[in-house]
Structures are given as structure tokens and as C-alpha cells.
């Protein structure tokens, strides 16, 4: 029987199942490599389709309604059946693959992060190769990913495009170190404006030193 008005796709069913499992929009977004707005929009569509809240917020958690729990059981069964239809004999085997995987990443991540990645990569895929590509300020990561070069990008962008598959890898804090007798060592003195002004001043001083050095040479 044909259903031209069928409101479902596998994405919505997977969002429903993951939301019930995680009980959090943010954790669901991370697990599904999606943005939080995309998951919120999917939940809104699910609520409209079933005419039911499905999940309600209580304190700091989302609690599934009885209707959502019932639907999830059916959704999991349907997804398992669909996944079995798509299973191919040509599955990816990391132990035998000879592919080359390219990772774009900032230089500062290489010492603390990439050594561990290489060690785990070599253990799981001994015949494959991994290549690290440094990112520059002019690097167009969106275009590069669309052309599959590199395969994955590790970076920090406030508003990345929603169509990209995203996952939180790590969180880092940025700190500034000043001399103990600096005027900026006093609490409240080193605000954002002072930081930006200081950066400009330091940049000018570095250029001046470079110019002086070149004259002496």
C-alpha cells in the first residue's frame, strides 16, 4: 500500500530512540553528530506527528511520557529491520584496510592529542595510513570536507553549518600569564578590551624588533 503522506523517515525514528535513551537534547545531539537546534526541530516534528509531548522537562532532566516509551519499542524494531536490509557483505574492516585517512587539525593539538590517536590507530588499523594537515586562518574547512580532503576536521568554530556532522571532542580553557608586578595582575584590570589592546601593542613591538634586527644584519 502506498502512503504519499507518510510523515516518517528513519532520522526521526533514530532521534526518538536516542532521546529516550539519553533523556537530553544536548547529549542526543552529541551522540548523533547533530546540532542541538536540529534535534530540537526533530522533537517538535515528532510531537506534531503523534500529537503528544513525548518528553517533559522535570528539574534538569527530560522524562519520557508513557506514549513515548511505547513508540520507542516499535521504532527500535522497525529500525533493526531496516538496518538488516542495508547490511552489505562489503563491510569495512579496520584490521585489513589500506586506506589513507587525512585529519585537519590545529598545530597545538598535535603533542597532547595526536600521539594517542596514532597509537590507537596503529593498533586497530595496522595497514592503513593517517595524515595530519595543519589548519591555517584561510582554510576553508566546509569546502574541504565536501571534497573529502581532509576526511575530518578538528577545530573550534562558534557557528558551524548545521549540515555537518559534529561531535564534541574536548573543551579547553584559554588563560593569560602576566608578570607578578604587571598592572594587569590586579583582579578586574585585565578585561577583554585590555587584552585586545595589549595584543596590538605586542604585535607592533614585535614588528619593530624584527625591523631593527634586519637593519643590523
Foldseek 3Di string as FASTA:
>chain_A
DDDPPDPDDLVLLLLLLLCQVVQDLVVSCQVFLFDSVVSVVSLVSVCVVVVHNQWDDDDHGIHGDPVSVVVNVVSVVVVVVVVVVVDDPPDDQLQPDAEEAEEEEAPVCCPPPVVVVVVVSCVRRVNYHYHYDYDDPPDPVVVCCVVPVHVYYDDDDPDDDRVGRHHDDDDDDDDDDDDCPDPCVDPPNCDPVNVVVVVVVVVVVVVVVVVVVVVVD
